[in-house]
N, C-alpha and C. Protein backbone atom coordinates (compact mmCIF):
# COMPACT_ATOMS: atom_id res chain seq x y z
N GLN A 1 -13.27 63.34 47.21
CA GLN A 1 -13.71 64.31 48.30
C GLN A 1 -12.86 63.88 49.50
N VAL A 2 -12.15 65.10 50.26
CA VAL A 2 -11.25 64.83 51.42
C VAL A 2 -12.45 64.60 52.66
N GLN A 3 -11.94 64.00 53.52
CA GLN A 3 -12.49 63.89 54.60
C GLN A 3 -11.69 64.43 55.87
N LEU A 4 -12.04 65.47 56.70
CA LEU A 4 -11.13 65.22 57.85
C LEU A 4 -11.86 65.15 58.93
N VAL A 5 -11.26 64.46 60.14
CA VAL A 5 -11.98 64.03 61.39
C VAL A 5 -11.32 64.60 62.49
N GLU A 6 -11.86 65.43 63.16
CA GLU A 6 -11.32 65.94 64.64
C GLU A 6 -11.60 65.12 65.55
N SER A 7 -10.57 65.26 66.38
CA SER A 7 -10.82 64.40 67.81
C SER A 7 -9.83 65.07 68.81
N GLY A 8 -10.21 64.75 70.37
CA GLY A 8 -9.47 65.37 71.30
C GLY A 8 -10.19 66.28 72.14
N GLY A 9 -11.50 66.76 71.71
CA GLY A 9 -12.18 67.73 72.37
C GLY A 9 -12.62 66.93 73.64
N GLY A 10 -13.19 67.92 74.77
CA GLY A 10 -13.73 67.59 75.96
C GLY A 10 -13.99 68.87 76.88
N LEU A 11 -14.20 68.12 78.10
CA LEU A 11 -14.25 69.26 79.13
C LEU A 11 -13.03 69.20 79.98
N VAL A 12 -12.49 70.53 80.37
CA VAL A 12 -11.32 70.70 80.82
C VAL A 12 -11.40 71.92 81.88
N GLN A 13 -10.77 71.83 83.05
CA GLN A 13 -10.56 73.13 83.66
C GLN A 13 -9.78 73.86 83.33
N ALA A 14 -10.09 75.34 83.60
CA ALA A 14 -9.29 76.41 83.12
C ALA A 14 -7.70 76.06 83.77
N GLY A 15 -6.76 76.47 82.93
CA GLY A 15 -5.54 76.17 83.40
C GLY A 15 -5.10 74.79 82.65
N GLY A 16 -5.86 74.01 82.21
CA GLY A 16 -5.54 72.60 81.69
C GLY A 16 -5.17 72.71 80.30
N SER A 17 -4.91 71.43 79.71
CA SER A 17 -4.46 71.32 78.32
C SER A 17 -5.25 70.09 77.55
N LEU A 18 -5.21 70.69 76.40
CA LEU A 18 -6.04 69.35 75.50
C LEU A 18 -5.23 69.32 74.25
N ARG A 19 -5.12 68.25 73.61
CA ARG A 19 -4.50 68.09 72.29
C ARG A 19 -5.54 67.74 71.22
N LEU A 20 -6.12 68.55 70.43
CA LEU A 20 -6.95 68.16 69.02
C LEU A 20 -6.07 67.62 68.05
N SER A 21 -6.43 66.55 67.49
CA SER A 21 -6.12 65.92 66.22
C SER A 21 -7.16 66.10 65.13
N CYS A 22 -6.45 66.31 63.96
CA CYS A 22 -7.26 66.23 62.84
C CYS A 22 -6.75 65.39 61.72
N ALA A 23 -7.55 64.08 61.25
CA ALA A 23 -6.78 62.97 60.45
C ALA A 23 -7.67 63.19 59.14
N ALA A 24 -6.76 63.36 58.21
CA ALA A 24 -7.26 63.55 56.78
C ALA A 24 -7.26 62.32 56.12
N SER A 25 -8.31 62.22 55.09
CA SER A 25 -8.36 60.83 54.36
C SER A 25 -7.26 61.10 53.25
N GLY A 26 -6.86 61.98 52.85
CA GLY A 26 -5.77 62.22 51.65
C GLY A 26 -4.68 62.63 52.28
N ASN A 27 -3.55 62.88 51.47
CA ASN A 27 -2.13 63.08 51.88
C ASN A 27 -2.21 64.56 52.34
N THR A 28 -1.63 64.87 53.44
CA THR A 28 -1.72 66.35 54.05
C THR A 28 -0.61 67.32 53.34
N ALA A 29 0.32 66.40 52.64
CA ALA A 29 1.23 67.13 52.08
C ALA A 29 0.79 67.81 50.62
N ASN A 30 -0.29 67.50 50.38
CA ASN A 30 -1.00 68.01 49.02
C ASN A 30 -1.59 69.56 49.55
N PHE A 31 -1.96 69.69 50.65
CA PHE A 31 -2.57 70.90 51.17
C PHE A 31 -1.58 72.05 51.33
N ASN A 32 -1.83 73.15 50.74
CA ASN A 32 -1.05 74.32 50.77
C ASN A 32 -1.07 74.82 52.13
N ALA A 33 -2.30 74.58 53.04
CA ALA A 33 -2.38 75.21 54.14
C ALA A 33 -3.53 74.30 55.03
N MET A 34 -3.09 74.08 56.30
CA MET A 34 -4.00 73.75 57.25
C MET A 34 -4.45 74.32 58.68
N GLY A 35 -5.45 74.42 58.93
CA GLY A 35 -5.86 75.36 60.09
C GLY A 35 -6.56 74.69 60.87
N TRP A 36 -6.79 75.64 62.09
CA TRP A 36 -7.79 75.34 63.06
C TRP A 36 -8.61 76.51 63.40
N TYR A 37 -10.12 76.39 63.32
CA TYR A 37 -10.97 77.52 63.41
C TYR A 37 -11.71 77.34 64.60
N ARG A 38 -12.48 77.97 65.19
CA ARG A 38 -13.28 77.71 66.31
C ARG A 38 -14.66 78.79 66.27
N GLN A 39 -15.77 78.22 66.90
CA GLN A 39 -16.80 79.19 67.06
C GLN A 39 -17.54 78.61 68.16
N ALA A 40 -17.78 79.84 69.02
CA ALA A 40 -18.53 80.03 70.18
C ALA A 40 -20.09 80.21 69.92
N PRO A 41 -21.03 79.80 70.88
CA PRO A 41 -22.06 80.20 70.58
C PRO A 41 -22.45 81.50 70.32
N GLU A 42 -23.39 81.90 69.06
CA GLU A 42 -23.74 83.42 68.74
C GLU A 42 -22.56 84.04 68.30
N THR A 43 -21.55 83.50 67.97
CA THR A 43 -20.24 84.10 67.25
C THR A 43 -19.92 83.82 66.02
N GLN A 44 -19.20 84.63 65.34
CA GLN A 44 -18.63 84.14 64.04
C GLN A 44 -17.50 83.05 64.39
N ARG A 45 -17.40 82.34 63.02
CA ARG A 45 -16.16 81.51 63.22
C ARG A 45 -14.99 82.24 63.14
N GLU A 46 -13.92 81.76 63.80
CA GLU A 46 -12.59 82.81 63.85
C GLU A 46 -11.50 81.58 63.56
N GLU A 47 -10.37 82.13 63.01
CA GLU A 47 -9.27 81.40 62.76
C GLU A 47 -8.40 81.33 63.94
N VAL A 48 -7.95 80.25 64.55
CA VAL A 48 -7.02 80.11 65.81
C VAL A 48 -5.63 80.17 64.98
N ALA A 49 -5.48 79.35 64.29
CA ALA A 49 -3.93 78.95 64.05
C ALA A 49 -4.03 78.16 62.38
N ASN A 50 -3.06 78.60 61.70
CA ASN A 50 -2.74 77.69 60.56
C ASN A 50 -1.22 77.45 60.37
N ILE A 51 -0.90 76.44 59.45
CA ILE A 51 0.52 76.03 58.99
C ILE A 51 0.46 75.62 57.81
N ASN A 52 1.47 76.12 57.04
CA ASN A 52 1.59 75.85 55.55
C ASN A 52 2.59 74.61 55.42
N THR A 53 2.75 74.29 54.05
CA THR A 53 3.64 73.25 53.87
C THR A 53 5.12 73.27 54.40
N MET A 54 5.78 74.50 54.39
CA MET A 54 6.93 74.86 54.55
C MET A 54 7.00 74.79 56.22
N GLY A 55 5.76 74.77 57.26
CA GLY A 55 5.88 74.35 58.56
C GLY A 55 5.70 75.83 59.30
N ARG A 56 5.56 76.65 58.48
CA ARG A 56 5.08 78.15 59.01
C ARG A 56 3.90 78.23 59.56
N THR A 57 3.97 79.03 60.60
CA THR A 57 2.83 78.89 61.54
C THR A 57 2.11 80.37 61.63
N ASN A 58 1.02 80.56 61.94
CA ASN A 58 0.27 81.71 62.33
C ASN A 58 -0.55 81.79 63.56
N TYR A 59 -0.82 82.44 64.08
CA TYR A 59 -1.69 82.29 65.58
C TYR A 59 -2.49 83.48 65.59
N ALA A 60 -3.68 83.35 66.09
CA ALA A 60 -4.69 84.52 66.55
C ALA A 60 -3.94 85.00 67.86
N ASN A 61 -3.87 86.40 68.02
CA ASN A 61 -3.38 87.13 69.04
C ASN A 61 -3.93 86.38 70.64
N SER A 62 -5.11 86.04 70.38
CA SER A 62 -5.65 85.51 71.69
C SER A 62 -5.19 84.04 72.10
N VAL A 63 -4.54 83.33 71.08
CA VAL A 63 -4.06 82.10 71.63
C VAL A 63 -2.28 81.84 71.43
N LYS A 64 -1.90 83.17 71.17
CA LYS A 64 -0.08 83.05 71.03
C LYS A 64 0.34 82.80 72.42
N GLY A 65 1.03 82.16 72.45
CA GLY A 65 2.18 81.51 73.85
C GLY A 65 1.49 80.52 74.18
N ARG A 66 0.18 80.18 73.98
CA ARG A 66 -0.76 79.11 74.69
C ARG A 66 -0.94 77.70 73.58
N PHE A 67 -1.08 78.17 72.59
CA PHE A 67 -1.49 76.98 71.44
C PHE A 67 -0.41 76.65 70.46
N THR A 68 -0.40 75.49 70.13
CA THR A 68 0.61 75.04 68.98
C THR A 68 0.20 74.42 68.19
N ILE A 69 0.42 74.63 66.59
CA ILE A 69 -0.07 73.73 65.79
C ILE A 69 1.04 73.15 65.03
N SER A 70 0.61 71.97 64.66
CA SER A 70 1.76 71.18 63.92
C SER A 70 1.17 70.25 62.88
N ARG A 71 1.84 69.70 62.21
CA ARG A 71 1.41 68.73 61.40
C ARG A 71 2.46 67.46 61.05
N ASP A 72 1.89 66.48 60.95
CA ASP A 72 2.70 65.25 60.50
C ASP A 72 2.15 64.75 59.23
N ASN A 73 2.76 64.80 58.20
CA ASN A 73 2.55 64.46 57.03
C ASN A 73 2.50 62.88 56.81
N SER A 74 3.42 62.23 57.42
CA SER A 74 3.44 60.93 57.54
C SER A 74 2.23 60.19 58.27
N LYS A 75 1.54 61.09 58.96
CA LYS A 75 0.31 60.33 59.48
C LYS A 75 -0.92 61.20 58.75
N ASN A 76 -0.72 62.07 58.14
CA ASN A 76 -1.81 62.83 57.29
C ASN A 76 -2.59 63.37 58.67
N THR A 77 -1.84 64.11 59.49
CA THR A 77 -2.62 64.37 60.64
C THR A 77 -2.22 65.96 61.07
N VAL A 78 -2.95 66.76 61.49
CA VAL A 78 -2.64 67.95 62.19
C VAL A 78 -3.12 68.11 63.42
N TYR A 79 -2.13 68.77 64.31
CA TYR A 79 -2.53 68.61 65.79
C TYR A 79 -2.47 70.22 66.15
N LEU A 80 -3.40 70.47 67.35
CA LEU A 80 -3.56 71.62 68.05
C LEU A 80 -3.17 71.45 69.41
N GLN A 81 -2.11 71.67 70.12
CA GLN A 81 -1.90 71.53 71.68
C GLN A 81 -2.24 72.79 72.19
N MET A 82 -3.13 72.87 73.13
CA MET A 82 -3.79 74.06 73.50
C MET A 82 -3.40 73.78 75.10
N SER A 83 -2.73 74.85 75.79
CA SER A 83 -2.12 75.04 77.10
C SER A 83 -2.73 76.03 77.73
N SER A 84 -2.83 76.03 79.14
CA SER A 84 -3.34 77.31 79.72
C SER A 84 -4.72 77.63 79.16
N LEU A 85 -5.46 76.93 79.04
CA LEU A 85 -6.84 76.81 78.48
C LEU A 85 -7.65 78.05 79.57
N LYS A 86 -8.57 78.71 79.05
CA LYS A 86 -9.32 79.81 79.41
C LYS A 86 -10.82 79.64 79.21
N ALA A 87 -11.84 80.00 80.09
CA ALA A 87 -13.21 79.97 79.77
C ALA A 87 -13.61 80.26 78.37
N GLU A 88 -12.78 81.43 77.97
CA GLU A 88 -13.17 81.77 76.57
C GLU A 88 -12.71 81.21 75.44
N ASP A 89 -12.02 80.06 75.75
CA ASP A 89 -11.39 79.16 74.68
C ASP A 89 -12.55 78.08 74.40
N THR A 90 -13.68 78.10 75.06
CA THR A 90 -14.77 77.18 74.90
C THR A 90 -15.54 77.42 73.43
N ALA A 91 -15.52 76.39 72.80
CA ALA A 91 -16.08 76.61 71.42
C ALA A 91 -16.24 75.17 70.77
N VAL A 92 -16.57 75.21 69.35
CA VAL A 92 -16.42 74.16 68.66
C VAL A 92 -15.31 74.32 67.70
N TYR A 93 -14.31 73.40 67.71
CA TYR A 93 -13.19 73.65 66.90
C TYR A 93 -13.26 72.87 65.64
N TYR A 94 -12.86 73.31 64.60
CA TYR A 94 -12.87 73.03 63.29
C TYR A 94 -11.52 72.88 62.53
N CYS A 95 -11.21 71.82 62.00
CA CYS A 95 -10.12 71.63 61.07
C CYS A 95 -10.49 72.04 59.52
N ARG A 96 -9.34 72.72 58.85
CA ARG A 96 -9.73 73.09 57.58
C ARG A 96 -8.34 72.78 56.83
N ALA A 97 -8.52 72.05 55.69
CA ALA A 97 -7.37 72.04 54.70
C ALA A 97 -7.59 72.52 53.38
N VAL A 98 -6.74 73.34 52.71
CA VAL A 98 -6.84 74.05 51.45
C VAL A 98 -5.75 73.58 50.52
N ARG A 99 -6.23 73.74 49.31
CA ARG A 99 -5.34 73.39 48.22
C ARG A 99 -5.50 74.44 47.18
N TRP A 100 -4.56 75.19 46.72
CA TRP A 100 -4.75 76.16 45.91
C TRP A 100 -4.61 75.82 44.56
N ALA A 101 -3.63 74.89 44.36
CA ALA A 101 -3.45 74.65 43.05
C ALA A 101 -4.60 73.81 42.28
N PRO A 102 -4.94 73.73 41.06
CA PRO A 102 -5.83 72.69 40.57
C PRO A 102 -5.47 71.28 41.04
N PRO A 103 -6.23 70.37 41.11
CA PRO A 103 -7.61 70.73 41.73
C PRO A 103 -7.77 71.18 42.98
N SER A 104 -8.08 72.55 43.02
CA SER A 104 -8.09 73.39 44.29
C SER A 104 -9.38 72.65 45.06
N SER A 105 -9.27 72.78 46.33
CA SER A 105 -10.41 72.18 47.21
C SER A 105 -9.94 73.36 48.61
N ASP A 106 -11.34 73.13 49.44
CA ASP A 106 -11.46 73.72 50.66
C ASP A 106 -12.31 72.80 51.30
N ASN A 107 -11.71 72.35 52.28
CA ASN A 107 -12.25 71.13 52.90
C ASN A 107 -12.21 71.33 54.73
N TRP A 108 -13.26 71.14 55.12
CA TRP A 108 -13.70 71.42 56.53
C TRP A 108 -14.11 69.84 57.39
N GLY A 109 -13.89 69.92 58.42
CA GLY A 109 -14.24 68.86 59.32
C GLY A 109 -15.51 69.29 60.00
N GLN A 110 -16.14 68.26 60.97
CA GLN A 110 -17.21 68.37 61.53
C GLN A 110 -17.19 69.20 62.77
N GLY A 111 -15.91 69.18 63.23
CA GLY A 111 -15.70 70.09 64.49
C GLY A 111 -15.90 69.15 65.58
N THR A 112 -15.19 69.54 66.77
CA THR A 112 -14.98 68.82 68.01
C THR A 112 -15.23 69.94 69.26
N GLN A 113 -16.21 69.44 70.16
CA GLN A 113 -16.52 70.46 71.26
C GLN A 113 -15.09 70.63 72.15
N VAL A 114 -14.83 71.68 72.62
CA VAL A 114 -13.91 71.93 73.67
C VAL A 114 -14.66 73.10 74.61
N THR A 115 -14.76 72.50 75.82
CA THR A 115 -15.30 73.14 77.09
C THR A 115 -14.31 73.33 78.03
N VAL A 116 -14.21 74.77 78.55
CA VAL A 116 -13.06 74.95 79.63
C VAL A 116 -14.06 75.33 80.80
N SER A 117 -13.95 74.77 81.81
CA SER A 117 -14.88 75.21 82.89
C SER A 117 -13.76 76.23 83.66
N SER A 118 -14.57 77.06 84.51
CA SER A 118 -13.68 78.26 85.16
C SER A 118 -13.71 78.07 86.68
């Protein structure tokens, strides 16, 4: 069972920056894709960004140009650098790691709260 532990959340003023980290108990190189999702109160969880084993990234339109996802397989960690934060970025942010080839797995972290004050 893979464990993902997020950290780096907190309270920040609008326009500020935060860097989230997701540490995996296993080798992140084994995951085909890793990503960050977020869920604000009374909304559905949405994908923020993802990165595959080749380093190819995708971003939600709402965060393009402000957020950067990266992975360091030597540290088994995925990062989300968030800049120019807005009040609407307030949410619980979750890390996800997916492996498609057998044994396939779909793993989620417990989440870290990000609150942006306006």
